[in-house]
Amino acid sequence: MFVDSSEFNRIVEKYTDVVFRSALSFCKSKSDAEDVTQNAFIKLLTSEVNFENDDHIRKWLIRIVINECKSLWRSPWQKK
């Protein structure tokens, strides 16, 4: 089940601040946190997860942020 556009817009409005602050706390860089935030919402848009409630969405997004930050740290661009 893909998230429809109205539901996606609601989620983005509600959780952008939480997702960005989580990304910033892990990445320590504003530009990296913005990239991670964007990637997290792209993954939400293309995911096939059936969310039980808003708390499930929030926790899922934070987990995606953590995984995206770890991927960013492992990238060859970050090591230079």
N, C-alpha and C. Protein backbone atom coordinates (compact mmCIF):
# COMPACT_ATOMS: atom_id res chain seq x y z
N MET A 1 0.84 -1.18 0.00
CA MET A 1 0.00 0.00 0.00
C MET A 1 0.88 1.24 0.00
N PHE A 2 0.78 2.02 -1.03
CA PHE A 2 1.52 3.27 -1.09
C PHE A 2 0.73 4.36 -0.38
N VAL A 3 1.45 5.32 0.17
CA VAL A 3 0.81 6.43 0.86
C VAL A 3 0.25 7.38 -0.20
N ASP A 4 -1.02 7.77 -0.07
CA ASP A 4 -1.60 8.69 -1.06
C ASP A 4 -1.09 10.11 -0.79
N SER A 5 -1.31 11.01 -1.74
CA SER A 5 -0.69 12.34 -1.67
C SER A 5 -1.20 13.17 -0.49
N SER A 6 -2.47 13.09 -0.17
CA SER A 6 -2.97 13.89 0.96
C SER A 6 -2.42 13.38 2.28
N GLU A 7 -2.34 12.06 2.43
CA GLU A 7 -1.77 11.47 3.64
C GLU A 7 -0.28 11.78 3.73
N PHE A 8 0.42 11.72 2.60
CA PHE A 8 1.85 12.04 2.57
C PHE A 8 2.08 13.48 2.99
N ASN A 9 1.29 14.41 2.46
CA ASN A 9 1.44 15.82 2.84
C ASN A 9 1.19 16.04 4.33
N ARG A 10 0.21 15.34 4.88
CA ARG A 10 -0.08 15.45 6.31
C ARG A 10 1.11 14.95 7.14
N ILE A 11 1.67 13.83 6.74
CA ILE A 11 2.80 13.25 7.46
C ILE A 11 4.02 14.17 7.37
N VAL A 12 4.28 14.71 6.19
CA VAL A 12 5.43 15.60 6.01
C VAL A 12 5.28 16.84 6.89
N GLU A 13 4.09 17.44 6.89
CA GLU A 13 3.87 18.61 7.72
C GLU A 13 4.03 18.30 9.20
N LYS A 14 3.55 17.14 9.61
CA LYS A 14 3.58 16.78 11.03
C LYS A 14 4.97 16.38 11.51
N TYR A 15 5.75 15.70 10.68
CA TYR A 15 6.99 15.08 11.15
C TYR A 15 8.28 15.66 10.58
N THR A 16 8.21 16.68 9.75
CA THR A 16 9.44 17.25 9.19
C THR A 16 10.39 17.71 10.28
N ASP A 17 9.86 18.41 11.27
CA ASP A 17 10.72 18.92 12.35
C ASP A 17 11.37 17.79 13.14
N VAL A 18 10.61 16.77 13.48
CA VAL A 18 11.14 15.63 14.24
C VAL A 18 12.21 14.90 13.43
N VAL A 19 11.92 14.66 12.16
CA VAL A 19 12.87 13.94 11.31
C VAL A 19 14.14 14.77 11.13
N PHE A 20 14.01 16.06 10.87
CA PHE A 20 15.19 16.90 10.67
C PHE A 20 16.04 16.98 11.94
N ARG A 21 15.40 17.18 13.09
CA ARG A 21 16.17 17.26 14.34
C ARG A 21 16.87 15.94 14.64
N SER A 22 16.22 14.83 14.35
CA SER A 22 16.86 13.52 14.55
C SER A 22 18.06 13.37 13.63
N ALA A 23 17.89 13.76 12.39
CA ALA A 23 19.00 13.67 11.42
C ALA A 23 20.15 14.59 11.83
N LEU A 24 19.82 15.79 12.28
CA LEU A 24 20.86 16.73 12.69
C LEU A 24 21.63 16.22 13.91
N SER A 25 20.95 15.56 14.82
CA SER A 25 21.64 15.04 16.00
C SER A 25 22.59 13.90 15.65
N PHE A 26 22.28 13.15 14.60
CA PHE A 26 23.17 12.07 14.18
C PHE A 26 24.26 12.57 13.24
N CYS A 27 23.91 13.43 12.29
CA CYS A 27 24.85 13.85 11.24
C CYS A 27 25.78 14.98 11.67
N LYS A 28 25.30 15.86 12.55
CA LYS A 28 26.06 17.02 13.02
C LYS A 28 26.34 18.03 11.91
N SER A 29 25.65 17.91 10.79
CA SER A 29 25.82 18.84 9.68
C SER A 29 24.44 19.16 9.11
N LYS A 30 24.17 20.45 8.96
CA LYS A 30 22.84 20.86 8.49
C LYS A 30 22.56 20.34 7.08
N SER A 31 23.53 20.44 6.20
CA SER A 31 23.30 19.99 4.82
C SER A 31 23.10 18.48 4.75
N ASP A 32 23.88 17.72 5.52
CA ASP A 32 23.67 16.27 5.56
C ASP A 32 22.32 15.92 6.16
N ALA A 33 21.91 16.65 7.18
CA ALA A 33 20.62 16.39 7.81
C ALA A 33 19.47 16.68 6.85
N GLU A 34 19.62 17.72 6.03
CA GLU A 34 18.60 18.02 5.03
C GLU A 34 18.50 16.91 4.00
N ASP A 35 19.66 16.38 3.57
CA ASP A 35 19.66 15.27 2.61
C ASP A 35 19.02 14.03 3.20
N VAL A 36 19.35 13.72 4.44
CA VAL A 36 18.79 12.54 5.10
C VAL A 36 17.28 12.70 5.28
N THR A 37 16.85 13.89 5.64
CA THR A 37 15.41 14.16 5.80
C THR A 37 14.68 13.93 4.48
N GLN A 38 15.24 14.46 3.41
CA GLN A 38 14.63 14.27 2.10
C GLN A 38 14.59 12.79 1.73
N ASN A 39 15.66 12.06 1.96
CA ASN A 39 15.69 10.64 1.64
C ASN A 39 14.68 9.85 2.46
N ALA A 40 14.50 10.23 3.72
CA ALA A 40 13.53 9.54 4.57
C ALA A 40 12.12 9.70 4.03
N PHE A 41 11.77 10.89 3.60
CA PHE A 41 10.43 11.11 3.06
C PHE A 41 10.25 10.47 1.69
N ILE A 42 11.31 10.37 0.91
CA ILE A 42 11.23 9.65 -0.36
C ILE A 42 10.97 8.17 -0.10
N LYS A 43 11.66 7.62 0.90
CA LYS A 43 11.42 6.21 1.26
C LYS A 43 10.00 6.00 1.75
N LEU A 44 9.46 6.98 2.48
CA LEU A 44 8.07 6.88 2.92
C LEU A 44 7.13 6.86 1.72
N LEU A 45 7.40 7.71 0.77
CA LEU A 45 6.55 7.82 -0.41
C LEU A 45 6.54 6.52 -1.22
N THR A 46 7.67 5.83 -1.25
CA THR A 46 7.77 4.61 -2.06
C THR A 46 7.62 3.33 -1.25
N SER A 47 7.40 3.45 0.04
CA SER A 47 7.32 2.25 0.88
C SER A 47 5.98 1.55 0.71
N GLU A 48 5.98 0.29 1.05
CA GLU A 48 4.76 -0.51 1.01
C GLU A 48 4.38 -0.98 2.41
N VAL A 49 4.76 -0.21 3.42
CA VAL A 49 4.49 -0.55 4.81
C VAL A 49 3.07 -0.15 5.16
N ASN A 50 2.36 -1.01 5.86
CA ASN A 50 1.04 -0.68 6.38
C ASN A 50 1.21 -0.15 7.79
N PHE A 51 1.03 1.14 7.95
CA PHE A 51 1.23 1.77 9.25
C PHE A 51 -0.01 1.60 10.11
N GLU A 52 0.22 1.27 11.38
CA GLU A 52 -0.89 1.06 12.31
C GLU A 52 -1.46 2.37 12.82
N ASN A 53 -0.58 3.34 13.11
CA ASN A 53 -1.02 4.62 13.65
C ASN A 53 0.10 5.64 13.45
N ASP A 54 -0.11 6.86 13.92
CA ASP A 54 0.89 7.92 13.75
C ASP A 54 2.18 7.63 14.50
N ASP A 55 2.08 6.98 15.64
CA ASP A 55 3.29 6.64 16.40
C ASP A 55 4.15 5.66 15.62
N HIS A 56 3.53 4.73 14.94
CA HIS A 56 4.26 3.77 14.10
C HIS A 56 4.98 4.49 12.97
N ILE A 57 4.33 5.48 12.37
CA ILE A 57 4.95 6.27 11.30
C ILE A 57 6.16 7.02 11.84
N ARG A 58 6.02 7.67 12.99
CA ARG A 58 7.11 8.44 13.59
C ARG A 58 8.32 7.55 13.89
N LYS A 59 8.06 6.41 14.50
CA LYS A 59 9.17 5.50 14.83
C LYS A 59 9.82 4.96 13.57
N TRP A 60 9.03 4.67 12.54
CA TRP A 60 9.56 4.16 11.28
C TRP A 60 10.46 5.22 10.63
N LEU A 61 10.00 6.46 10.63
CA LEU A 61 10.79 7.54 10.04
C LEU A 61 12.11 7.75 10.78
N ILE A 62 12.08 7.69 12.10
CA ILE A 62 13.31 7.86 12.88
C ILE A 62 14.28 6.71 12.60
N ARG A 63 13.77 5.50 12.46
CA ARG A 63 14.63 4.36 12.12
C ARG A 63 15.26 4.55 10.75
N ILE A 64 14.49 5.08 9.81
CA ILE A 64 15.02 5.35 8.47
C ILE A 64 16.12 6.41 8.56
N VAL A 65 15.92 7.43 9.37
CA VAL A 65 16.92 8.49 9.55
C VAL A 65 18.22 7.90 10.08
N ILE A 66 18.12 7.06 11.08
CA ILE A 66 19.32 6.43 11.65
C ILE A 66 20.05 5.61 10.59
N ASN A 67 19.31 4.82 9.84
CA ASN A 67 19.93 4.00 8.79
C ASN A 67 20.54 4.85 7.69
N GLU A 68 19.87 5.93 7.31
CA GLU A 68 20.41 6.83 6.29
C GLU A 68 21.69 7.52 6.77
N CYS A 69 21.74 7.91 8.03
CA CYS A 69 22.95 8.53 8.58
C CYS A 69 24.10 7.53 8.60
N LYS A 70 23.83 6.31 8.96
CA LYS A 70 24.87 5.28 8.95
C LYS A 70 25.38 5.05 7.53
N SER A 71 24.47 5.03 6.56
CA SER A 71 24.88 4.87 5.16
C SER A 71 25.73 6.04 4.71
N LEU A 72 25.36 7.22 5.14
CA LEU A 72 26.12 8.42 4.79
C LEU A 72 27.53 8.35 5.34
N TRP A 73 27.68 7.90 6.58
CA TRP A 73 29.01 7.80 7.19
C TRP A 73 29.89 6.78 6.47
N ARG A 74 29.28 5.75 5.90
CA ARG A 74 30.05 4.72 5.21
C ARG A 74 30.41 5.09 3.79
N SER A 75 29.83 6.15 3.26
CA SER A 75 30.05 6.51 1.86
C SER A 75 31.49 7.00 1.67
N PRO A 76 32.05 6.72 0.48
CA PRO A 76 33.41 7.17 0.20
C PRO A 76 33.54 8.69 0.23
N TRP A 77 32.48 9.42 -0.10
CA TRP A 77 32.53 10.88 -0.10
C TRP A 77 32.72 11.41 1.30
N GLN A 78 32.13 10.75 2.26
CA GLN A 78 32.20 11.22 3.65
C GLN A 78 33.59 10.95 4.25
N LYS A 79 34.28 9.95 3.76
CA LYS A 79 35.57 9.58 4.32
C LYS A 79 36.68 10.52 3.89
N LYS A 80 36.44 11.30 2.83
CA LYS A 80 37.48 12.22 2.33
C LYS A 80 37.46 13.52 3.06
